[in-house]
Amino acid sequence: MRQEEAQALLGQYRTQIDSLDTQILALLNERARIAEAIGDAKSSAGLPVVELAREKAVIDRMVERNPGPLEGEAVGRIYQTVMLEMRRIQELRRK
């Protein structure tokens, strides 16, 4: 493959990734809005923000459903970060 062809192909792939990143961001923000509502419900009921069993279940489920090519450990780390941020959103709403 010539360098010009490679650059054109890379441009196409990067455009696809940019589009996917926009979709991922929209989904994360939708998830965050739901996490806010969950946090409000927990607060109203006097429940704690942190539910480690639920967080573990979500992470385990996503690792199990992962078809690859991401490694399971990578999916676990990604979802640990997602869960941490959703927890942080809930905690901030309590202040």
PDB file of N, CA and C in Angstrom:
ATOM      1  N   MET A   1       0.846  -1.170   0.000  1.00  0.00           N
ATOM      2  CA  MET A   1       0.000   0.000   0.000  1.00  0.00           C
ATOM      3  C   MET A   1       0.899   1.243   0.000  1.00  0.00           C
ATOM      4  N   ARG A   2       0.535   2.178  -0.850  1.00  0.00           N
ATOM      5  CA  ARG A   2       1.298   3.422  -0.914  1.00  0.00           C
ATOM      6  C   ARG A   2       0.918   4.326   0.257  1.00  0.00           C
ATOM      7  N   GLN A   3       1.794   5.249   0.560  1.00  0.00           N
ATOM      8  CA  GLN A   3       1.583   6.139   1.694  1.00  0.00           C
ATOM      9  C   GLN A   3       0.297   6.960   1.540  1.00  0.00           C
ATOM     10  N   GLU A   4       0.006   7.406   0.326  1.00  0.00           N
ATOM     11  CA  GLU A   4      -1.207   8.189   0.087  1.00  0.00           C
ATOM     12  C   GLU A   4      -2.454   7.348   0.359  1.00  0.00           C
ATOM     13  N   GLU A   5      -2.422   6.099  -0.069  1.00  0.00           N
ATOM     14  CA  GLU A   5      -3.555   5.195   0.168  1.00  0.00           C
ATOM     15  C   GLU A   5      -3.727   4.930   1.666  1.00  0.00           C
ATOM     16  N   ALA A   6      -2.609   4.748   2.339  1.00  0.00           N
ATOM     17  CA  ALA A   6      -2.664   4.503   3.780  1.00  0.00           C
ATOM     18  C   ALA A   6      -3.251   5.714   4.502  1.00  0.00           C
ATOM     19  N   GLN A   7      -2.836   6.906   4.098  1.00  0.00           N
ATOM     20  CA  GLN A   7      -3.356   8.123   4.731  1.00  0.00           C
ATOM     21  C   GLN A   7      -4.859   8.257   4.494  1.00  0.00           C
ATOM     22  N   ALA A   8      -5.314   7.948   3.302  1.00  0.00           N
ATOM     23  CA  ALA A   8      -6.745   8.009   3.002  1.00  0.00           C
ATOM     24  C   ALA A   8      -7.510   6.996   3.846  1.00  0.00           C
ATOM     25  N   LEU A   9      -6.973   5.799   3.961  1.00  0.00           N
ATOM     26  CA  LEU A   9      -7.613   4.754   4.760  1.00  0.00           C
ATOM     27  C   LEU A   9      -7.649   5.142   6.235  1.00  0.00           C
ATOM     28  N   LEU A  10      -6.529   5.670   6.727  1.00  0.00           N
ATOM     29  CA  LEU A  10      -6.489   6.132   8.118  1.00  0.00           C
ATOM     30  C   LEU A  10      -7.514   7.226   8.366  1.00  0.00           C
ATOM     31  N   GLY A  11      -7.676   8.111   7.417  1.00  0.00           N
ATOM     32  CA  GLY A  11      -8.682   9.171   7.536  1.00  0.00           C
ATOM     33  C   GLY A  11     -10.085   8.604   7.658  1.00  0.00           C
ATOM     34  N   GLN A  12     -10.375   7.583   6.872  1.00  0.00           N
ATOM     35  CA  GLN A  12     -11.697   6.935   6.947  1.00  0.00           C
ATOM     36  C   GLN A  12     -11.898   6.287   8.311  1.00  0.00           C
ATOM     37  N   TYR A  13     -10.901   5.571   8.792  1.00  0.00           N
ATOM     38  CA  TYR A  13     -11.000   4.923  10.105  1.00  0.00           C
ATOM     39  C   TYR A  13     -11.163   5.954  11.213  1.00  0.00           C
ATOM     40  N   ARG A  14     -10.429   7.035  11.116  1.00  0.00           N
ATOM     41  CA  ARG A  14     -10.513   8.059  12.155  1.00  0.00           C
ATOM     42  C   ARG A  14     -11.866   8.750  12.148  1.00  0.00           C
ATOM     43  N   THR A  15     -12.458   8.915  10.996  1.00  0.00           N
ATOM     44  CA  THR A  15     -13.802   9.474  10.915  1.00  0.00           C
ATOM     45  C   THR A  15     -14.797   8.536  11.604  1.00  0.00           C
ATOM     46  N   GLN A  16     -14.645   7.238  11.380  1.00  0.00           N
ATOM     47  CA  GLN A  16     -15.509   6.260  12.044  1.00  0.00           C
ATOM     48  C   GLN A  16     -15.328   6.311  13.556  1.00  0.00           C
ATOM     49  N   ILE A  17     -14.078   6.403  14.010  1.00  0.00           N
ATOM     50  CA  ILE A  17     -13.811   6.473  15.446  1.00  0.00           C
ATOM     51  C   ILE A  17     -14.392   7.752  16.040  1.00  0.00           C
ATOM     52  N   ASP A  18     -14.260   8.865  15.337  1.00  0.00           N
ATOM     53  CA  ASP A  18     -14.834  10.126  15.828  1.00  0.00           C
ATOM     54  C   ASP A  18     -16.339   9.995  16.012  1.00  0.00           C
ATOM     55  N   SER A  19     -16.998   9.361  15.065  1.00  0.00           N
ATOM     56  CA  SER A  19     -18.438   9.150  15.163  1.00  0.00           C
ATOM     57  C   SER A  19     -18.791   8.248  16.347  1.00  0.00           C
ATOM     58  N   LEU A  20     -18.034   7.169  16.507  1.00  0.00           N
ATOM     59  CA  LEU A  20     -18.268   6.272  17.647  1.00  0.00           C
ATOM     60  C   LEU A  20     -18.026   6.976  18.977  1.00  0.00           C
ATOM     61  N   ASP A  21     -16.981   7.797  19.047  1.00  0.00           N
ATOM     62  CA  ASP A  21     -16.706   8.536  20.277  1.00  0.00           C
ATOM     63  C   ASP A  21     -17.867   9.458  20.645  1.00  0.00           C
ATOM     64  N   THR A  22     -18.460  10.096  19.647  1.00  0.00           N
ATOM     65  CA  THR A  22     -19.619  10.957  19.894  1.00  0.00           C
ATOM     66  C   THR A  22     -20.788  10.142  20.433  1.00  0.00           C
ATOM     67  N   GLN A  23     -21.008   8.954  19.867  1.00  0.00           N
ATOM     68  CA  GLN A  23     -22.085   8.084  20.342  1.00  0.00           C
ATOM     69  C   GLN A  23     -21.817   7.593  21.767  1.00  0.00           C
ATOM     70  N   ILE A  24     -20.571   7.213  22.043  1.00  0.00           N
ATOM     71  CA  ILE A  24     -20.209   6.750  23.383  1.00  0.00           C
ATOM     72  C   ILE A  24     -20.441   7.866  24.398  1.00  0.00           C
ATOM     73  N   LEU A  25     -20.042   9.080  24.066  1.00  0.00           N
ATOM     74  CA  LEU A  25     -20.239  10.211  24.961  1.00  0.00           C
ATOM     75  C   LEU A  25     -21.720  10.444  25.241  1.00  0.00           C
ATOM     76  N   ALA A  26     -22.543  10.381  24.215  1.00  0.00           N
ATOM     77  CA  ALA A  26     -23.993  10.556  24.407  1.00  0.00           C
ATOM     78  C   ALA A  26     -24.545   9.471  25.327  1.00  0.00           C
ATOM     79  N   LEU A  27     -24.109   8.237  25.142  1.00  0.00           N
ATOM     80  CA  LEU A  27     -24.582   7.143  25.996  1.00  0.00           C
ATOM     81  C   LEU A  27     -24.107   7.293  27.437  1.00  0.00           C
ATOM     82  N   LEU A  28     -22.867   7.731  27.614  1.00  0.00           N
ATOM     83  CA  LEU A  28     -22.364   7.953  28.974  1.00  0.00           C
ATOM     84  C   LEU A  28     -23.158   9.049  29.680  1.00  0.00           C
ATOM     85  N   ASN A  29     -23.491  10.104  28.958  1.00  0.00           N
ATOM     86  CA  ASN A  29     -24.280  11.166  29.566  1.00  0.00           C
ATOM     87  C   ASN A  29     -25.709  10.720  29.855  1.00  0.00           C
ATOM     88  N   GLU A  30     -26.272   9.882  29.003  1.00  0.00           N
ATOM     89  CA  GLU A  30     -27.593   9.318  29.276  1.00  0.00           C
ATOM     90  C   GLU A  30     -27.529   8.451  30.532  1.00  0.00           C
ATOM     91  N   ARG A  31     -26.479   7.657  30.647  1.00  0.00           N
ATOM     92  CA  ARG A  31     -26.289   6.818  31.831  1.00  0.00           C
ATOM     93  C   ARG A  31     -26.144   7.690  33.074  1.00  0.00           C
ATOM     94  N   ALA A  32     -25.431   8.799  32.943  1.00  0.00           N
ATOM     95  CA  ALA A  32     -25.231   9.711  34.069  1.00  0.00           C
ATOM     96  C   ALA A  32     -26.554  10.328  34.522  1.00  0.00           C
ATOM     97  N   ARG A  33     -27.415  10.677  33.588  1.00  0.00           N
ATOM     98  CA  ARG A  33     -28.725  11.221  33.963  1.00  0.00           C
ATOM     99  C   ARG A  33     -29.537  10.192  34.737  1.00  0.00           C
ATOM    100  N   ILE A  34     -29.469   8.947  34.319  1.00  0.00           N
ATOM    101  CA  ILE A  34     -30.174   7.882  35.047  1.00  0.00           C
ATOM    102  C   ILE A  34     -29.539   7.679  36.422  1.00  0.00           C
ATOM    103  N   ALA A  35     -28.208   7.743  36.489  1.00  0.00           N
ATOM    104  CA  ALA A  35     -27.519   7.619  37.780  1.00  0.00           C
ATOM    105  C   ALA A  35     -27.934   8.742  38.721  1.00  0.00           C
ATOM    106  N   GLU A  36     -28.135   9.947  38.192  1.00  0.00           N
ATOM    107  CA  GLU A  36     -28.627  11.043  39.026  1.00  0.00           C
ATOM    108  C   GLU A  36     -29.994  10.704  39.615  1.00  0.00           C
ATOM    109  N   ALA A  37     -30.882  10.173  38.790  1.00  0.00           N
ATOM    110  CA  ALA A  37     -32.223   9.809  39.268  1.00  0.00           C
ATOM    111  C   ALA A  37     -32.131   8.705  40.314  1.00  0.00           C
ATOM    112  N   ILE A  38     -31.253   7.732  40.089  1.00  0.00           N
ATOM    113  CA  ILE A  38     -31.051   6.660  41.068  1.00  0.00           C
ATOM    114  C   ILE A  38     -30.532   7.252  42.373  1.00  0.00           C
ATOM    115  N   GLY A  39     -29.580   8.154  42.277  1.00  0.00           N
ATOM    116  CA  GLY A  39     -29.035   8.802  43.467  1.00  0.00           C
ATOM    117  C   GLY A  39     -30.097   9.567  44.225  1.00  0.00           C
ATOM    118  N   ASP A  40     -30.986  10.248  43.512  1.00  0.00           N
ATOM    119  CA  ASP A  40     -32.081  10.976  44.163  1.00  0.00           C
ATOM    120  C   ASP A  40     -33.007  10.016  44.893  1.00  0.00           C
ATOM    121  N   ALA A  41     -33.317   8.891  44.260  1.00  0.00           N
ATOM    122  CA  ALA A  41     -34.190   7.895  44.891  1.00  0.00           C
ATOM    123  C   ALA A  41     -33.523   7.309  46.136  1.00  0.00           C
ATOM    124  N   LYS A  42     -32.231   7.020  46.046  1.00  0.00           N
ATOM    125  CA  LYS A  42     -31.498   6.492  47.198  1.00  0.00           C
ATOM    126  C   LYS A  42     -31.511   7.507  48.337  1.00  0.00           C
ATOM    127  N   SER A  43     -31.257   8.762  47.999  1.00  0.00           N
ATOM    128  CA  SER A  43     -31.215   9.809  49.008  1.00  0.00           C
ATOM    129  C   SER A  43     -32.571   9.953  49.698  1.00  0.00           C
ATOM    130  N   SER A  44     -33.648   9.950  48.922  1.00  0.00           N
ATOM    131  CA  SER A  44     -34.993  10.071  49.477  1.00  0.00           C
ATOM    132  C   SER A  44     -35.332   8.921  50.411  1.00  0.00           C
ATOM    133  N   ALA A  45     -34.793   7.750  50.108  1.00  0.00           N
ATOM    134  CA  ALA A  45     -35.077   6.560  50.911  1.00  0.00           C
ATOM    135  C   ALA A  45     -34.054   6.357  52.030  1.00  0.00           C
ATOM    136  N   GLY A  46     -33.072   7.244  52.113  1.00  0.00           N
ATOM    137  CA  GLY A  46     -32.041   7.091  53.135  1.00  0.00           C
ATOM    138  C   GLY A  46     -31.068   5.961  52.868  1.00  0.00           C
ATOM    139  N   LEU A  47     -30.928   5.600  51.604  1.00  0.00           N
ATOM    140  CA  LEU A  47     -30.011   4.518  51.229  1.00  0.00           C
ATOM    141  C   LEU A  47     -28.632   5.079  50.897  1.00  0.00           C
ATOM    142  N   PRO A  48     -27.588   4.295  51.103  1.00  0.00           N
ATOM    143  CA  PRO A  48     -26.245   4.771  50.776  1.00  0.00           C
ATOM    144  C   PRO A  48     -26.028   4.846  49.264  1.00  0.00           C
ATOM    145  N   VAL A  49     -25.111   5.708  48.875  1.00  0.00           N
ATOM    146  CA  VAL A  49     -24.754   5.826  47.458  1.00  0.00           C
ATOM    147  C   VAL A  49     -24.094   4.539  46.984  1.00  0.00           C
ATOM    148  N   VAL A  50     -23.163   4.038  47.765  1.00  0.00           N
ATOM    149  CA  VAL A  50     -22.344   2.905  47.352  1.00  0.00           C
ATOM    150  C   VAL A  50     -23.086   1.592  47.565  1.00  0.00           C
ATOM    151  N   GLU A  51     -23.168   0.812  46.495  1.00  0.00           N
ATOM    152  CA  GLU A  51     -23.703  -0.551  46.540  1.00  0.00           C
ATOM    153  C   GLU A  51     -22.667  -1.429  45.850  1.00  0.00           C
ATOM    154  N   LEU A  52     -21.684  -1.863  46.607  1.00  0.00           N
ATOM    155  CA  LEU A  52     -20.568  -2.606  46.018  1.00  0.00           C
ATOM    156  C   LEU A  52     -21.017  -3.880  45.312  1.00  0.00           C
ATOM    157  N   ALA A  53     -22.013  -4.572  45.863  1.00  0.00           N
ATOM    158  CA  ALA A  53     -22.486  -5.801  45.218  1.00  0.00           C
ATOM    159  C   ALA A  53     -23.075  -5.498  43.843  1.00  0.00           C
ATOM    160  N   ARG A  54     -23.829  -4.406  43.736  1.00  0.00           N
ATOM    161  CA  ARG A  54     -24.416  -4.009  42.454  1.00  0.00           C
ATOM    162  C   ARG A  54     -23.308  -3.616  41.473  1.00  0.00           C
ATOM    163  N   GLU A  55     -22.340  -2.833  41.929  1.00  0.00           N
ATOM    164  CA  GLU A  55     -21.246  -2.428  41.062  1.00  0.00           C
ATOM    165  C   GLU A  55     -20.480  -3.644  40.550  1.00  0.00           C
ATOM    166  N   LYS A  56     -20.202  -4.572  41.436  1.00  0.00           N
ATOM    167  CA  LYS A  56     -19.493  -5.790  41.038  1.00  0.00           C
ATOM    168  C   LYS A  56     -20.313  -6.582  40.026  1.00  0.00           C
ATOM    169  N   ALA A  57     -21.622  -6.672  40.252  1.00  0.00           N
ATOM    170  CA  ALA A  57     -22.494  -7.416  39.327  1.00  0.00           C
ATOM    171  C   ALA A  57     -22.479  -6.786  37.940  1.00  0.00           C
ATOM    172  N   VAL A  58     -22.517  -5.458  37.880  1.00  0.00           N
ATOM    173  CA  VAL A  58     -22.488  -4.763  36.583  1.00  0.00           C
ATOM    174  C   VAL A  58     -21.167  -5.038  35.876  1.00  0.00           C
ATOM    175  N   ILE A  59     -20.062  -4.890  36.596  1.00  0.00           N
ATOM    176  CA  ILE A  59     -18.741  -5.101  35.993  1.00  0.00           C
ATOM    177  C   ILE A  59     -18.599  -6.550  35.531  1.00  0.00           C
ATOM    178  N   ASP A  60     -18.975  -7.487  36.387  1.00  0.00           N
ATOM    179  CA  ASP A  60     -18.880  -8.912  36.017  1.00  0.00           C
ATOM    180  C   ASP A  60     -19.725  -9.231  34.789  1.00  0.00           C
ATOM    181  N   ARG A  61     -20.929  -8.654  34.729  1.00  0.00           N
ATOM    182  CA  ARG A  61     -21.823  -8.912  33.590  1.00  0.00           C
ATOM    183  C   ARG A  61     -21.211  -8.396  32.288  1.00  0.00           C
ATOM    184  N   MET A  62     -20.625  -7.207  32.355  1.00  0.00           N
ATOM    185  CA  MET A  62     -20.049  -6.636  31.143  1.00  0.00           C
ATOM    186  C   MET A  62     -18.800  -7.400  30.704  1.00  0.00           C
ATOM    187  N   VAL A  63     -17.997  -7.842  31.649  1.00  0.00           N
ATOM    188  CA  VAL A  63     -16.832  -8.662  31.307  1.00  0.00           C
ATOM    189  C   VAL A  63     -17.288  -9.961  30.662  1.00  0.00           C
ATOM    190  N   GLU A  64     -18.336 -10.558  31.223  1.00  0.00           N
ATOM    191  CA  GLU A  64     -18.852 -11.829  30.695  1.00  0.00           C
ATOM    192  C   GLU A  64     -19.428 -11.670  29.294  1.00  0.00           C
ATOM    193  N   ARG A  65     -20.074 -10.553  29.022  1.00  0.00           N
ATOM    194  CA  ARG A  65     -20.709 -10.320  27.717  1.00  0.00           C
ATOM    195  C   ARG A  65     -19.735  -9.845  26.649  1.00  0.00           C
ATOM    196  N   ASN A  66     -18.523  -9.537  27.039  1.00  0.00           N
ATOM    197  CA  ASN A  66     -17.544  -8.977  26.116  1.00  0.00           C
ATOM    198  C   ASN A  66     -17.142  -9.994  25.047  1.00  0.00           C
ATOM    199  N   PRO A  67     -17.408  -9.671  23.769  1.00  0.00           N
ATOM    200  CA  PRO A  67     -17.014 -10.589  22.702  1.00  0.00           C
ATOM    201  C   PRO A  67     -15.586 -10.336  22.192  1.00  0.00           C
ATOM    202  N   GLY A  68     -14.935  -9.269  22.692  1.00  0.00           N
ATOM    203  CA  GLY A  68     -13.607  -8.933  22.204  1.00  0.00           C
ATOM    204  C   GLY A  68     -13.699  -8.011  21.003  1.00  0.00           C
ATOM    205  N   PRO A  69     -12.623  -7.469  20.553  1.00  0.00           N
ATOM    206  CA  PRO A  69     -11.243  -7.828  20.861  1.00  0.00           C
ATOM    207  C   PRO A  69     -10.699  -7.247  22.162  1.00  0.00           C
ATOM    208  N   LEU A  70     -11.448  -6.383  22.851  1.00  0.00           N
ATOM    209  CA  LEU A  70     -10.959  -5.920  24.153  1.00  0.00           C
ATOM    210  C   LEU A  70     -10.822  -7.107  25.092  1.00  0.00           C
ATOM    211  N   GLU A  71      -9.776  -7.112  25.867  1.00  0.00           N
ATOM    212  CA  GLU A  71      -9.609  -8.160  26.873  1.00  0.00           C
ATOM    213  C   GLU A  71     -10.585  -7.905  28.018  1.00  0.00           C
ATOM    214  N   GLY A  72     -10.982  -8.974  28.677  1.00  0.00           N
ATOM    215  CA  GLY A  72     -11.909  -8.864  29.796  1.00  0.00           C
ATOM    216  C   GLY A  72     -11.412  -7.914  30.871  1.00  0.00           C
ATOM    217  N   GLU A  73     -10.119  -7.969  31.177  1.00  0.00           N
ATOM    218  CA  GLU A  73      -9.559  -7.074  32.187  1.00  0.00           C
ATOM    219  C   GLU A  73      -9.710  -5.618  31.776  1.00  0.00           C
ATOM    220  N   ALA A  74      -9.561  -5.333  30.497  1.00  0.00           N
ATOM    221  CA  ALA A  74      -9.720  -3.961  30.002  1.00  0.00           C
ATOM    222  C   ALA A  74     -11.162  -3.505  30.186  1.00  0.00           C
ATOM    223  N   VAL A  75     -12.103  -4.375  29.858  1.00  0.00           N
ATOM    224  CA  VAL A  75     -13.518  -4.047  30.035  1.00  0.00           C
ATOM    225  C   VAL A  75     -13.804  -3.803  31.515  1.00  0.00           C
ATOM    226  N   GLY A  76     -13.244  -4.626  32.367  1.00  0.00           N
ATOM    227  CA  GLY A  76     -13.424  -4.449  33.805  1.00  0.00           C
ATOM    228  C   GLY A  76     -12.909  -3.099  34.268  1.00  0.00           C
ATOM    229  N   ARG A  77     -11.731  -2.704  33.802  1.00  0.00           N
ATOM    230  CA  ARG A  77     -11.167  -1.409  34.193  1.00  0.00           C
ATOM    231  C   ARG A  77     -12.018  -0.252  33.680  1.00  0.00           C
ATOM    232  N   ILE A  78     -12.492  -0.377  32.450  1.00  0.00           N
ATOM    233  CA  ILE A  78     -13.346   0.671  31.884  1.00  0.00           C
ATOM    234  C   ILE A  78     -14.603   0.820  32.721  1.00  0.00           C
ATOM    235  N   TYR A  79     -15.238  -0.301  33.052  1.00  0.00           N
ATOM    236  CA  TYR A  79     -16.482  -0.235  33.825  1.00  0.00           C
ATOM    237  C   TYR A  79     -16.248   0.163  35.272  1.00  0.00           C
ATOM    238  N   GLN A  80     -15.094  -0.141  35.826  1.00  0.00           N
ATOM    239  CA  GLN A  80     -14.782   0.356  37.169  1.00  0.00           C
ATOM    240  C   GLN A  80     -14.748   1.881  37.152  1.00  0.00           C
ATOM    241  N   THR A  81     -14.161   2.439  36.115  1.00  0.00           N
ATOM    242  CA  THR A  81     -14.102   3.893  35.985  1.00  0.00           C
ATOM    243  C   THR A  81     -15.498   4.468  35.778  1.00  0.00           C
ATOM    244  N   VAL A  82     -16.298   3.845  34.930  1.00  0.00           N
ATOM    245  CA  VAL A  82     -17.665   4.308  34.708  1.00  0.00           C
ATOM    246  C   VAL A  82     -18.437   4.289  36.025  1.00  0.00           C
ATOM    247  N   MET A  83     -18.338   3.192  36.762  1.00  0.00           N
ATOM    248  CA  MET A  83     -19.076   3.074  38.022  1.00  0.00           C
ATOM    249  C   MET A  83     -18.591   4.121  39.031  1.00  0.00           C
ATOM    250  N   LEU A  84     -17.304   4.367  39.082  1.00  0.00           N
ATOM    251  CA  LEU A  84     -16.755   5.376  39.981  1.00  0.00           C
ATOM    252  C   LEU A  84     -17.329   6.756  39.659  1.00  0.00           C
ATOM    253  N   GLU A  85     -17.406   7.092  38.385  1.00  0.00           N
ATOM    254  CA  GLU A  85     -17.939   8.397  37.991  1.00  0.00           C
ATOM    255  C   GLU A  85     -19.440   8.504  38.262  1.00  0.00           C
ATOM    256  N   MET A  86     -20.166   7.425  38.081  1.00  0.00           N
ATOM    257  CA  MET A  86     -21.598   7.455  38.371  1.00  0.00           C
ATOM    258  C   MET A  86     -21.831   7.616  39.878  1.00  0.00           C
ATOM    259  N   ARG A  87     -20.997   6.963  40.666  1.00  0.00           N
ATOM    260  CA  ARG A  87     -21.063   7.105  42.122  1.00  0.00           C
ATOM    261  C   ARG A  87     -20.753   8.554  42.511  1.00  0.00           C
ATOM    262  N   ARG A  88     -19.739   9.129  41.875  1.00  0.00           N
ATOM    263  CA  ARG A  88     -19.356  10.509  42.168  1.00  0.00           C
ATOM    264  C   ARG A  88     -20.496  11.476  41.858  1.00  0.00           C
ATOM    265  N   ILE A  89     -21.203  11.241  40.768  1.00  0.00           N
ATOM    266  CA  ILE A  89     -22.350  12.072  40.407  1.00  0.00           C
ATOM    267  C   ILE A  89     -23.411  12.000  41.501  1.00  0.00           C
ATOM    268  N   GLN A  90     -23.674  10.796  41.982  1.00  0.00           N
ATOM    269  CA  GLN A  90     -24.675  10.631  43.039  1.00  0.00           C
ATOM    270  C   GLN A  90     -24.239  11.335  44.322  1.00  0.00           C
ATOM    271  N   GLU A  91     -22.962  11.230  44.655  1.00  0.00           N
ATOM    272  CA  GLU A  91     -22.452  11.865  45.873  1.00  0.00           C
ATOM    273  C   GLU A  91     -22.532  13.378  45.774  1.00  0.00           C
ATOM    274  N   LEU A  92     -22.223  13.942  44.616  1.00  0.00           N
ATOM    275  CA  LEU A  92     -22.273  15.385  44.434  1.00  0.00           C
ATOM    276  C   LEU A  92     -23.697  15.937  44.597  1.00  0.00           C
ATOM    277  N   ARG A  93     -24.674  15.162  44.183  1.00  0.00           N
ATOM    278  CA  ARG A  93     -26.072  15.622  44.294  1.00  0.00           C
ATOM    279  C   ARG A  93     -26.545  15.648  45.738  1.00  0.00           C
ATOM    280  N   ARG A  94     -25.867  14.924  46.612  1.00  0.00           N
ATOM    281  CA  ARG A  94     -26.257  14.913  48.023  1.00  0.00           C
ATOM    282  C   ARG A  94     -25.734  16.128  48.770  1.00  0.00           C
ATOM    283  N   LYS A  95     -24.798  16.835  48.188  1.00  0.00           N
ATOM    284  CA  LYS A  95     -24.185  17.991  48.881  1.00  0.00           C
ATOM    285  C   LYS A  95     -25.007  19.234  48.710  1.00  0.00           C
TER     286      LYS A  95
END
